[in-house]
Amino acid sequence: MIEGSPTAGLVRLNGGLADDTDRRRATAIGGDTSVAMLSSLIGAATSAWQVAPLRSSAWTARGLRVPARNALLADATSNPFGPLAKRSAASVRISPGG
């Protein structure tokens, strides 16, 4: 129950941060750093009541990070079906006879 609940609504809320190209990288790096720090703090917890908020916070940070990371990956890869592919395919001329 802890793992799915915080991330469900945050992915929708974080779409605005992922759309902002200036803050996209900072959001992804901040999310990665938060997940790493909060997950490592779980190892230092001495009781179960300390683990629950740390784990919930780590999953929340992961939910905030995912849309920004996906947007960065989409920017970094080329789309073979994008506008450039359509333009280059349309500009190819086939001459009869070779």
PDB file of N, CA and C in Angstrom:
ATOM      1  N   MET A   1       0.817  -1.186   0.000  1.00  0.00           N
ATOM      2  CA  MET A   1       0.000   0.000   0.000  1.00  0.00           C
ATOM      3  C   MET A   1       0.868   1.261   0.000  1.00  0.00           C
ATOM      4  N   ILE A   2       1.999   1.218   0.657  1.00  0.00           N
ATOM      5  CA  ILE A   2       2.871   2.384   0.730  1.00  0.00           C
ATOM      6  C   ILE A   2       3.423   2.717  -0.652  1.00  0.00           C
ATOM      7  N   GLU A   3       3.716   1.703  -1.458  1.00  0.00           N
ATOM      8  CA  GLU A   3       4.452   1.939  -2.686  1.00  0.00           C
ATOM      9  C   GLU A   3       3.628   2.588  -3.780  1.00  0.00           C
ATOM     10  N   GLY A   4       2.351   2.277  -3.890  1.00  0.00           N
ATOM     11  CA  GLY A   4       1.574   2.812  -4.995  1.00  0.00           C
ATOM     12  C   GLY A   4       0.836   4.102  -4.688  1.00  0.00           C
ATOM     13  N   SER A   5       0.506   4.336  -3.448  1.00  0.00           N
ATOM     14  CA  SER A   5      -0.375   5.456  -3.121  1.00  0.00           C
ATOM     15  C   SER A   5       0.221   6.843  -3.369  1.00  0.00           C
ATOM     16  N   PRO A   6       1.446   7.143  -2.959  1.00  0.00           N
ATOM     17  CA  PRO A   6       1.922   8.516  -3.163  1.00  0.00           C
ATOM     18  C   PRO A   6       2.206   8.847  -4.618  1.00  0.00           C
ATOM     19  N   THR A   7       2.565   7.855  -5.413  1.00  0.00           N
ATOM     20  CA  THR A   7       2.995   8.155  -6.774  1.00  0.00           C
ATOM     21  C   THR A   7       1.844   8.356  -7.735  1.00  0.00           C
ATOM     22  N   ALA A   8       0.664   7.860  -7.419  1.00  0.00           N
ATOM     23  CA  ALA A   8      -0.441   7.917  -8.373  1.00  0.00           C
ATOM     24  C   ALA A   8      -0.809   9.357  -8.739  1.00  0.00           C
ATOM     25  N   GLY A   9      -1.010  10.198  -7.767  1.00  0.00           N
ATOM     26  CA  GLY A   9      -1.394  11.576  -8.053  1.00  0.00           C
ATOM     27  C   GLY A   9      -0.231  12.472  -8.405  1.00  0.00           C
ATOM     28  N   LEU A  10       0.961  12.138  -7.939  1.00  0.00           N
ATOM     29  CA  LEU A  10       2.111  13.015  -8.164  1.00  0.00           C
ATOM     30  C   LEU A  10       2.606  12.989  -9.594  1.00  0.00           C
ATOM     31  N   VAL A  11       2.401  11.873 -10.278  1.00  0.00           N
ATOM     32  CA  VAL A  11       2.825  11.828 -11.668  1.00  0.00           C
ATOM     33  C   VAL A  11       2.021  12.836 -12.478  1.00  0.00           C
ATOM     34  N   ARG A  12       0.758  12.982 -12.162  1.00  0.00           N
ATOM     35  CA  ARG A  12      -0.067  13.963 -12.865  1.00  0.00           C
ATOM     36  C   ARG A  12       0.308  15.388 -12.468  1.00  0.00           C
ATOM     37  N   LEU A  13       0.618  15.600 -11.201  1.00  0.00           N
ATOM     38  CA  LEU A  13       0.989  16.939 -10.748  1.00  0.00           C
ATOM     39  C   LEU A  13       2.347  17.361 -11.290  1.00  0.00           C
ATOM     40  N   ASN A  14       3.230  16.409 -11.506  1.00  0.00           N
ATOM     41  CA  ASN A  14       4.579  16.734 -11.944  1.00  0.00           C
ATOM     42  C   ASN A  14       4.667  16.956 -13.443  1.00  0.00           C
ATOM     43  N   GLY A  15       3.606  16.775 -14.170  1.00  0.00           N
ATOM     44  CA  GLY A  15       3.646  17.020 -15.605  1.00  0.00           C
ATOM     45  C   GLY A  15       4.041  18.448 -15.936  1.00  0.00           C
ATOM     46  N   GLY A  16       3.617  19.403 -15.108  1.00  0.00           N
ATOM     47  CA  GLY A  16       3.982  20.795 -15.334  1.00  0.00           C
ATOM     48  C   GLY A  16       5.476  21.039 -15.171  1.00  0.00           C
ATOM     49  N   LEU A  17       6.091  20.371 -14.210  1.00  0.00           N
ATOM     50  CA  LEU A  17       7.542  20.504 -14.042  1.00  0.00           C
ATOM     51  C   LEU A  17       8.287  19.850 -15.199  1.00  0.00           C
ATOM     52  N   ALA A  18       7.761  18.747 -15.690  1.00  0.00           N
ATOM     53  CA  ALA A  18       8.416  18.050 -16.797  1.00  0.00           C
ATOM     54  C   ALA A  18       8.285  18.831 -18.103  1.00  0.00           C
ATOM     55  N   ASP A  19       7.229  19.625 -18.241  1.00  0.00           N
ATOM     56  CA  ASP A  19       7.053  20.418 -19.451  1.00  0.00           C
ATOM     57  C   ASP A  19       7.973  21.628 -19.492  1.00  0.00           C
ATOM     58  N   ASP A  20       8.408  22.095 -18.349  1.00  0.00           N
ATOM     59  CA  ASP A  20       9.298  23.250 -18.278  1.00  0.00           C
ATOM     60  C   ASP A  20      10.717  22.803 -18.628  1.00  0.00           C
ATOM     61  N   THR A  21      11.187  23.166 -19.802  1.00  0.00           N
ATOM     62  CA  THR A  21      12.491  22.687 -20.262  1.00  0.00           C
ATOM     63  C   THR A  21      13.639  23.226 -19.418  1.00  0.00           C
ATOM     64  N   ASP A  22      13.453  24.364 -18.771  1.00  0.00           N
ATOM     65  CA  ASP A  22      14.523  24.920 -17.948  1.00  0.00           C
ATOM     66  C   ASP A  22      14.699  24.151 -16.638  1.00  0.00           C
ATOM     67  N   ARG A  23      13.610  23.630 -16.084  1.00  0.00           N
ATOM     68  CA  ARG A  23      13.680  22.933 -14.791  1.00  0.00           C
ATOM     69  C   ARG A  23      13.630  21.417 -14.912  1.00  0.00           C
ATOM     70  N   ARG A  24      13.535  20.900 -16.123  1.00  0.00           N
ATOM     71  CA  ARG A  24      13.393  19.454 -16.325  1.00  0.00           C
ATOM     72  C   ARG A  24      14.588  18.684 -15.786  1.00  0.00           C
ATOM     73  N   ARG A  25      15.782  19.133 -16.122  1.00  0.00           N
ATOM     74  CA  ARG A  25      16.995  18.430 -15.681  1.00  0.00           C
ATOM     75  C   ARG A  25      17.163  18.522 -14.165  1.00  0.00           C
ATOM     76  N   ALA A  26      16.903  19.699 -13.611  1.00  0.00           N
ATOM     77  CA  ALA A  26      17.027  19.869 -12.159  1.00  0.00           C
ATOM     78  C   ALA A  26      16.017  19.004 -11.414  1.00  0.00           C
ATOM     79  N   THR A  27      14.813  18.869 -11.951  1.00  0.00           N
ATOM     80  CA  THR A  27      13.803  18.027 -11.326  1.00  0.00           C
ATOM     81  C   THR A  27      14.230  16.571 -11.333  1.00  0.00           C
ATOM     82  N   ALA A  28      14.767  16.103 -12.453  1.00  0.00           N
ATOM     83  CA  ALA A  28      15.208  14.710 -12.548  1.00  0.00           C
ATOM     84  C   ALA A  28      16.384  14.432 -11.610  1.00  0.00           C
ATOM     85  N   ILE A  29      17.348  15.343 -11.559  1.00  0.00           N
ATOM     86  CA  ILE A  29      18.508  15.152 -10.689  1.00  0.00           C
ATOM     87  C   ILE A  29      18.103  15.234  -9.220  1.00  0.00           C
ATOM     88  N   GLY A  30      17.238  16.181  -8.893  1.00  0.00           N
ATOM     89  CA  GLY A  30      16.754  16.282  -7.515  1.00  0.00           C
ATOM     90  C   GLY A  30      15.972  15.048  -7.084  1.00  0.00           C
ATOM     91  N   GLY A  31      15.180  14.507  -7.991  1.00  0.00           N
ATOM     92  CA  GLY A  31      14.438  13.284  -7.686  1.00  0.00           C
ATOM     93  C   GLY A  31      15.358  12.100  -7.484  1.00  0.00           C
ATOM     94  N   ASP A  32      16.360  11.955  -8.352  1.00  0.00           N
ATOM     95  CA  ASP A  32      17.321  10.863  -8.200  1.00  0.00           C
ATOM     96  C   ASP A  32      18.087  10.964  -6.883  1.00  0.00           C
ATOM     97  N   THR A  33      18.515  12.174  -6.547  1.00  0.00           N
ATOM     98  CA  THR A  33      19.246  12.390  -5.299  1.00  0.00           C
ATOM     99  C   THR A  33      18.370  12.093  -4.090  1.00  0.00           C
ATOM    100  N   SER A  34      17.129  12.544  -4.134  1.00  0.00           N
ATOM    101  CA  SER A  34      16.203  12.303  -3.017  1.00  0.00           C
ATOM    102  C   SER A  34      15.929  10.825  -2.831  1.00  0.00           C
ATOM    103  N   VAL A  35      15.703  10.115  -3.937  1.00  0.00           N
ATOM    104  CA  VAL A  35      15.449   8.672  -3.846  1.00  0.00           C
ATOM    105  C   VAL A  35      16.653   7.960  -3.236  1.00  0.00           C
ATOM    106  N   ALA A  36      17.851   8.320  -3.675  1.00  0.00           N
ATOM    107  CA  ALA A  36      19.055   7.673  -3.154  1.00  0.00           C
ATOM    108  C   ALA A  36      19.239   7.953  -1.664  1.00  0.00           C
ATOM    109  N   MET A  37      19.052   9.197  -1.263  1.00  0.00           N
ATOM    110  CA  MET A  37      19.258   9.549   0.142  1.00  0.00           C
ATOM    111  C   MET A  37      18.196   8.913   1.043  1.00  0.00           C
ATOM    112  N   LEU A  38      16.942   9.003   0.631  1.00  0.00           N
ATOM    113  CA  LEU A  38      15.872   8.451   1.467  1.00  0.00           C
ATOM    114  C   LEU A  38      15.940   6.933   1.542  1.00  0.00           C
ATOM    115  N   SER A  39      16.295   6.291   0.442  1.00  0.00           N
ATOM    116  CA  SER A  39      16.415   4.835   0.458  1.00  0.00           C
ATOM    117  C   SER A  39      17.578   4.387   1.336  1.00  0.00           C
ATOM    118  N   SER A  40      18.666   5.126   1.327  1.00  0.00           N
ATOM    119  CA  SER A  40      19.798   4.754   2.175  1.00  0.00           C
ATOM    120  C   SER A  40      19.503   5.000   3.649  1.00  0.00           C
ATOM    121  N   LEU A  41      18.675   5.991   3.949  1.00  0.00           N
ATOM    122  CA  LEU A  41      18.301   6.235   5.343  1.00  0.00           C
ATOM    123  C   LEU A  41      17.442   5.108   5.920  1.00  0.00           C
ATOM    124  N   ILE A  42      16.789   4.339   5.054  1.00  0.00           N
ATOM    125  CA  ILE A  42      16.001   3.204   5.539  1.00  0.00           C
ATOM    126  C   ILE A  42      16.916   2.204   6.249  1.00  0.00           C
ATOM    127  N   GLY A  43      18.140   2.071   5.782  1.00  0.00           N
ATOM    128  CA  GLY A  43      19.091   1.165   6.427  1.00  0.00           C
ATOM    129  C   GLY A  43      19.499   1.624   7.815  1.00  0.00           C
ATOM    130  N   ALA A  44      19.391   2.906   8.083  1.00  0.00           N
ATOM    131  CA  ALA A  44      19.754   3.437   9.396  1.00  0.00           C
ATOM    132  C   ALA A  44      18.579   3.460  10.370  1.00  0.00           C
ATOM    133  N   ALA A  45      17.392   3.131   9.876  1.00  0.00           N
ATOM    134  CA  ALA A  45      16.206   3.155  10.745  1.00  0.00           C
ATOM    135  C   ALA A  45      16.307   2.051  11.790  1.00  0.00           C
ATOM    136  N   THR A  46      15.841   2.362  12.986  1.00  0.00           N
ATOM    137  CA  THR A  46      15.932   1.388  14.084  1.00  0.00           C
ATOM    138  C   THR A  46      14.588   0.772  14.434  1.00  0.00           C
ATOM    139  N   SER A  47      13.486   1.282  13.847  1.00  0.00           N
ATOM    140  CA  SER A  47      12.181   0.688  14.115  1.00  0.00           C
ATOM    141  C   SER A  47      11.287   0.824  12.894  1.00  0.00           C
ATOM    142  N   ALA A  48      10.198   0.074  12.910  1.00  0.00           N
ATOM    143  CA  ALA A  48       9.303   0.022  11.750  1.00  0.00           C
ATOM    144  C   ALA A  48       8.618   1.359  11.498  1.00  0.00           C
ATOM    145  N   TRP A  49       8.319   2.116  12.544  1.00  0.00           N
ATOM    146  CA  TRP A  49       7.638   3.387  12.331  1.00  0.00           C
ATOM    147  C   TRP A  49       8.536   4.395  11.624  1.00  0.00           C
ATOM    148  N   GLN A  50       9.838   4.218  11.669  1.00  0.00           N
ATOM    149  CA  GLN A  50      10.760   5.095  10.943  1.00  0.00           C
ATOM    150  C   GLN A  50      10.860   4.693   9.467  1.00  0.00           C
ATOM    151  N   VAL A  51      10.693   3.410   9.198  1.00  0.00           N
ATOM    152  CA  VAL A  51      10.818   2.914   7.827  1.00  0.00           C
ATOM    153  C   VAL A  51       9.647   3.393   6.969  1.00  0.00           C
ATOM    154  N   ALA A  52       8.442   3.391   7.532  1.00  0.00           N
ATOM    155  CA  ALA A  52       7.250   3.728   6.742  1.00  0.00           C
ATOM    156  C   ALA A  52       7.314   5.129   6.136  1.00  0.00           C
ATOM    157  N   PRO A  53       7.599   6.182   6.888  1.00  0.00           N
ATOM    158  CA  PRO A  53       7.656   7.504   6.232  1.00  0.00           C
ATOM    159  C   PRO A  53       8.843   7.658   5.289  1.00  0.00           C
ATOM    160  N   LEU A  54       9.969   7.002   5.594  1.00  0.00           N
ATOM    161  CA  LEU A  54      11.117   7.084   4.692  1.00  0.00           C
ATOM    162  C   LEU A  54      10.810   6.411   3.363  1.00  0.00           C
ATOM    163  N   ARG A  55      10.193   5.263   3.433  1.00  0.00           N
ATOM    164  CA  ARG A  55       9.864   4.534   2.208  1.00  0.00           C
ATOM    165  C   ARG A  55       8.800   5.283   1.402  1.00  0.00           C
ATOM    166  N   SER A  56       7.822   5.816   2.092  1.00  0.00           N
ATOM    167  CA  SER A  56       6.791   6.589   1.416  1.00  0.00           C
ATOM    168  C   SER A  56       7.379   7.834   0.766  1.00  0.00           C
ATOM    169  N   SER A  57       8.290   8.495   1.454  1.00  0.00           N
ATOM    170  CA  SER A  57       8.938   9.682   0.888  1.00  0.00           C
ATOM    171  C   SER A  57       9.810   9.324  -0.312  1.00  0.00           C
ATOM    172  N   ALA A  58      10.487   8.194  -0.256  1.00  0.00           N
ATOM    173  CA  ALA A  58      11.325   7.764  -1.383  1.00  0.00           C
ATOM    174  C   ALA A  58      10.459   7.485  -2.608  1.00  0.00           C
ATOM    175  N   TRP A  59       9.326   6.839  -2.413  1.00  0.00           N
ATOM    176  CA  TRP A  59       8.438   6.568  -3.540  1.00  0.00           C
ATOM    177  C   TRP A  59       7.795   7.845  -4.058  1.00  0.00           C
ATOM    178  N   THR A  60       7.536   8.777  -3.203  1.00  0.00           N
ATOM    179  CA  THR A  60       7.005  10.064  -3.641  1.00  0.00           C
ATOM    180  C   THR A  60       8.037  10.788  -4.504  1.00  0.00           C
ATOM    181  N   ALA A  61       9.287  10.784  -4.074  1.00  0.00           N
ATOM    182  CA  ALA A  61      10.358  11.406  -4.860  1.00  0.00           C
ATOM    183  C   ALA A  61      10.507  10.704  -6.201  1.00  0.00           C
ATOM    184  N   ARG A  62      10.359   9.393  -6.219  1.00  0.00           N
ATOM    185  CA  ARG A  62      10.436   8.656  -7.476  1.00  0.00           C
ATOM    186  C   ARG A  62       9.289   9.062  -8.396  1.00  0.00           C
ATOM    187  N   GLY A  63       8.108   9.252  -7.835  1.00  0.00           N
ATOM    188  CA  GLY A  63       6.965   9.680  -8.637  1.00  0.00           C
ATOM    189  C   GLY A  63       7.143  11.069  -9.220  1.00  0.00           C
ATOM    190  N   LEU A  64       7.850  11.936  -8.507  1.00  0.00           N
ATOM    191  CA  LEU A  64       8.137  13.274  -9.023  1.00  0.00           C
ATOM    192  C   LEU A  64       9.213  13.252 -10.103  1.00  0.00           C
ATOM    193  N   ARG A  65      10.114  12.284 -10.014  1.00  0.00           N
ATOM    194  CA  ARG A  65      11.242  12.215 -10.927  1.00  0.00           C
ATOM    195  C   ARG A  65      10.877  11.632 -12.291  1.00  0.00           C
ATOM    196  N   VAL A  66       9.960  10.686 -12.323  1.00  0.00           N
ATOM    197  CA  VAL A  66       9.708   9.909 -13.541  1.00  0.00           C
ATOM    198  C   VAL A  66       9.284  10.756 -14.744  1.00  0.00           C
ATOM    199  N   PRO A  67       8.313  11.671 -14.651  1.00  0.00           N
ATOM    200  CA  PRO A  67       7.947  12.437 -15.853  1.00  0.00           C
ATOM    201  C   PRO A  67       9.087  13.293 -16.406  1.00  0.00           C
ATOM    202  N   ALA A  68       9.874  13.883 -15.531  1.00  0.00           N
ATOM    203  CA  ALA A  68      11.003  14.698 -15.996  1.00  0.00           C
ATOM    204  C   ALA A  68      12.059  13.824 -16.665  1.00  0.00           C
ATOM    205  N   ARG A  69      12.320  12.659 -16.101  1.00  0.00           N
ATOM    206  CA  ARG A  69      13.298  11.749 -16.695  1.00  0.00           C
ATOM    207  C   ARG A  69      12.826  11.250 -18.051  1.00  0.00           C
ATOM    208  N   ASN A  70      11.544  10.915 -18.161  1.00  0.00           N
ATOM    209  CA  ASN A  70      11.003  10.463 -19.435  1.00  0.00           C
ATOM    210  C   ASN A  70      11.073  11.562 -20.495  1.00  0.00           C
ATOM    211  N   ALA A  71      10.830  12.796 -20.094  1.00  0.00           N
ATOM    212  CA  ALA A  71      10.920  13.914 -21.033  1.00  0.00           C
ATOM    213  C   ALA A  71      12.365  14.125 -21.488  1.00  0.00           C
ATOM    214  N   LEU A  72      13.324  13.974 -20.574  1.00  0.00           N
ATOM    215  CA  LEU A  72      14.732  14.093 -20.958  1.00  0.00           C
ATOM    216  C   LEU A  72      15.136  12.993 -21.934  1.00  0.00           C
ATOM    217  N   LEU A  73      14.662  11.775 -21.696  1.00  0.00           N
ATOM    218  CA  LEU A  73      14.964  10.672 -22.613  1.00  0.00           C
ATOM    219  C   LEU A  73      14.328  10.903 -23.975  1.00  0.00           C
ATOM    220  N   ALA A  74      13.123  11.430 -23.995  1.00  0.00           N
ATOM    221  CA  ALA A  74      12.467  11.713 -25.269  1.00  0.00           C
ATOM    222  C   ALA A  74      13.206  12.799 -26.041  1.00  0.00           C
ATOM    223  N   ASP A  75      13.742  13.785 -25.337  1.00  0.00           N
ATOM    224  CA  ASP A  75      14.514  14.836 -25.999  1.00  0.00           C
ATOM    225  C   ASP A  75      15.836  14.313 -26.560  1.00  0.00           C
ATOM    226  N   ALA A  76      16.417  13.339 -25.879  1.00  0.00           N
ATOM    227  CA  ALA A  76      17.741  12.849 -26.255  1.00  0.00           C
ATOM    228  C   ALA A  76      17.704  11.847 -27.407  1.00  0.00           C
ATOM    229  N   THR A  77      16.583  11.228 -27.641  1.00  0.00           N
ATOM    230  CA  THR A  77      16.491  10.223 -28.699  1.00  0.00           C
ATOM    231  C   THR A  77      15.846  10.834 -29.929  1.00  0.00           C
ATOM    232  N   SER A  78      16.170  10.261 -31.065  1.00  0.00           N
ATOM    233  CA  SER A  78      15.558  10.744 -32.298  1.00  0.00           C
ATOM    234  C   SER A  78      14.320   9.915 -32.612  1.00  0.00           C
ATOM    235  N   ASN A  79      13.347  10.541 -33.190  1.00  0.00           N
ATOM    236  CA  ASN A  79      12.098   9.882 -33.541  1.00  0.00           C
ATOM    237  C   ASN A  79      12.103   9.604 -35.045  1.00  0.00           C
ATOM    238  N   PRO A  80      12.139   8.333 -35.453  1.00  0.00           N
ATOM    239  CA  PRO A  80      12.187   8.048 -36.890  1.00  0.00           C
ATOM    240  C   PRO A  80      10.891   8.406 -37.610  1.00  0.00           C
ATOM    241  N   PHE A  81       9.834   8.648 -36.856  1.00  0.00           N
ATOM    242  CA  PHE A  81       8.555   8.980 -37.469  1.00  0.00           C
ATOM    243  C   PHE A  81       8.189  10.446 -37.278  1.00  0.00           C
ATOM    244  N   GLY A  82       9.171  11.266 -36.899  1.00  0.00           N
ATOM    245  CA  GLY A  82       8.923  12.678 -36.646  1.00  0.00           C
ATOM    246  C   GLY A  82       8.843  13.494 -37.929  1.00  0.00           C
ATOM    247  N   PRO A  83       8.743  14.820 -37.803  1.00  0.00           N
ATOM    248  CA  PRO A  83       8.580  15.678 -38.969  1.00  0.00           C
ATOM    249  C   PRO A  83       9.749  15.626 -39.943  1.00  0.00           C
ATOM    250  N   LEU A  84      10.964  15.416 -39.448  1.00  0.00           N
ATOM    251  CA  LEU A  84      12.108  15.345 -40.358  1.00  0.00           C
ATOM    252  C   LEU A  84      12.048  14.104 -41.230  1.00  0.00           C
ATOM    253  N   ALA A  85      11.581  12.990 -40.673  1.00  0.00           N
ATOM    254  CA  ALA A  85      11.471  11.767 -41.459  1.00  0.00           C
ATOM    255  C   ALA A  85      10.426  11.930 -42.565  1.00  0.00           C
ATOM    256  N   LYS A  86       9.327  12.614 -42.255  1.00  0.00           N
ATOM    257  CA  LYS A  86       8.291  12.831 -43.267  1.00  0.00           C
ATOM    258  C   LYS A  86       8.812  13.733 -44.380  1.00  0.00           C
ATOM    259  N   ARG A  87       9.552  14.750 -44.005  1.00  0.00           N
ATOM    260  CA  ARG A  87      10.066  15.683 -44.997  1.00  0.00           C
ATOM    261  C   ARG A  87      11.101  15.009 -45.890  1.00  0.00           C
ATOM    262  N   SER A  88      12.004  14.213 -45.308  1.00  0.00           N
ATOM    263  CA  SER A  88      13.037  13.590 -46.115  1.00  0.00           C
ATOM    264  C   SER A  88      12.456  12.506 -47.006  1.00  0.00           C
ATOM    265  N   ALA A  89      11.432  11.795 -46.542  1.00  0.00           N
ATOM    266  CA  ALA A  89      10.799  10.778 -47.375  1.00  0.00           C
ATOM    267  C   ALA A  89      10.037  11.428 -48.521  1.00  0.00           C
ATOM    268  N   ALA A  90       9.452  12.593 -48.288  1.00  0.00           N
ATOM    269  CA  ALA A  90       8.693  13.278 -49.327  1.00  0.00           C
ATOM    270  C   ALA A  90       9.610  13.923 -50.364  1.00  0.00           C
ATOM    271  N   SER A  91      10.839  14.234 -49.954  1.00  0.00           N
ATOM    272  CA  SER A  91      11.735  14.911 -50.896  1.00  0.00           C
ATOM    273  C   SER A  91      12.516  13.949 -51.772  1.00  0.00           C
ATOM    274  N   VAL A  92      12.406  12.674 -51.519  1.00  0.00           N
ATOM    275  CA  VAL A  92      13.110  11.682 -52.340  1.00  0.00           C
ATOM    276  C   VAL A  92      12.383  11.553 -53.670  1.00  0.00           C
ATOM    277  N   ARG A  93      13.114  11.686 -54.748  1.00  0.00           N
ATOM    278  CA  ARG A  93      12.530  11.552 -56.081  1.00  0.00           C
ATOM    279  C   ARG A  93      13.091  10.308 -56.746  1.00  0.00           C
ATOM    280  N   ILE A  94      12.203   9.567 -57.313  1.00  0.00           N
ATOM    281  CA  ILE A  94      12.611   8.358 -58.028  1.00  0.00           C
ATOM    282  C   ILE A  94      12.539   8.661 -59.519  1.00  0.00           C
ATOM    283  N   SER A  95      13.673   8.537 -60.171  1.00  0.00           N
ATOM    284  CA  SER A  95      13.687   8.803 -61.598  1.00  0.00           C
ATOM    285  C   SER A  95      13.482   7.497 -62.352  1.00  0.00           C
ATOM    286  N   PRO A  96      12.713   7.522 -63.407  1.00  0.00           N
ATOM    287  CA  PRO A  96      12.504   6.303 -64.176  1.00  0.00           C
ATOM    288  C   PRO A  96      13.799   5.868 -64.868  1.00  0.00           C
ATOM    289  N   GLY A  97      14.058   4.603 -64.781  1.00  0.00           N
ATOM    290  CA  GLY A  97      15.215   4.043 -65.453  1.00  0.00           C
ATOM    291  C   GLY A  97      16.487   4.110 -64.644  1.00  0.00           C
ATOM    292  N   GLY A  98      16.385   4.487 -63.398  1.00  0.00           N
ATOM    293  CA  GLY A  98      17.539   4.323 -62.610  1.00  0.00           C
ATOM    294  C   GLY A  98      18.134   5.416 -61.922  1.00  0.00           C
TER     295      GLY A  98
END
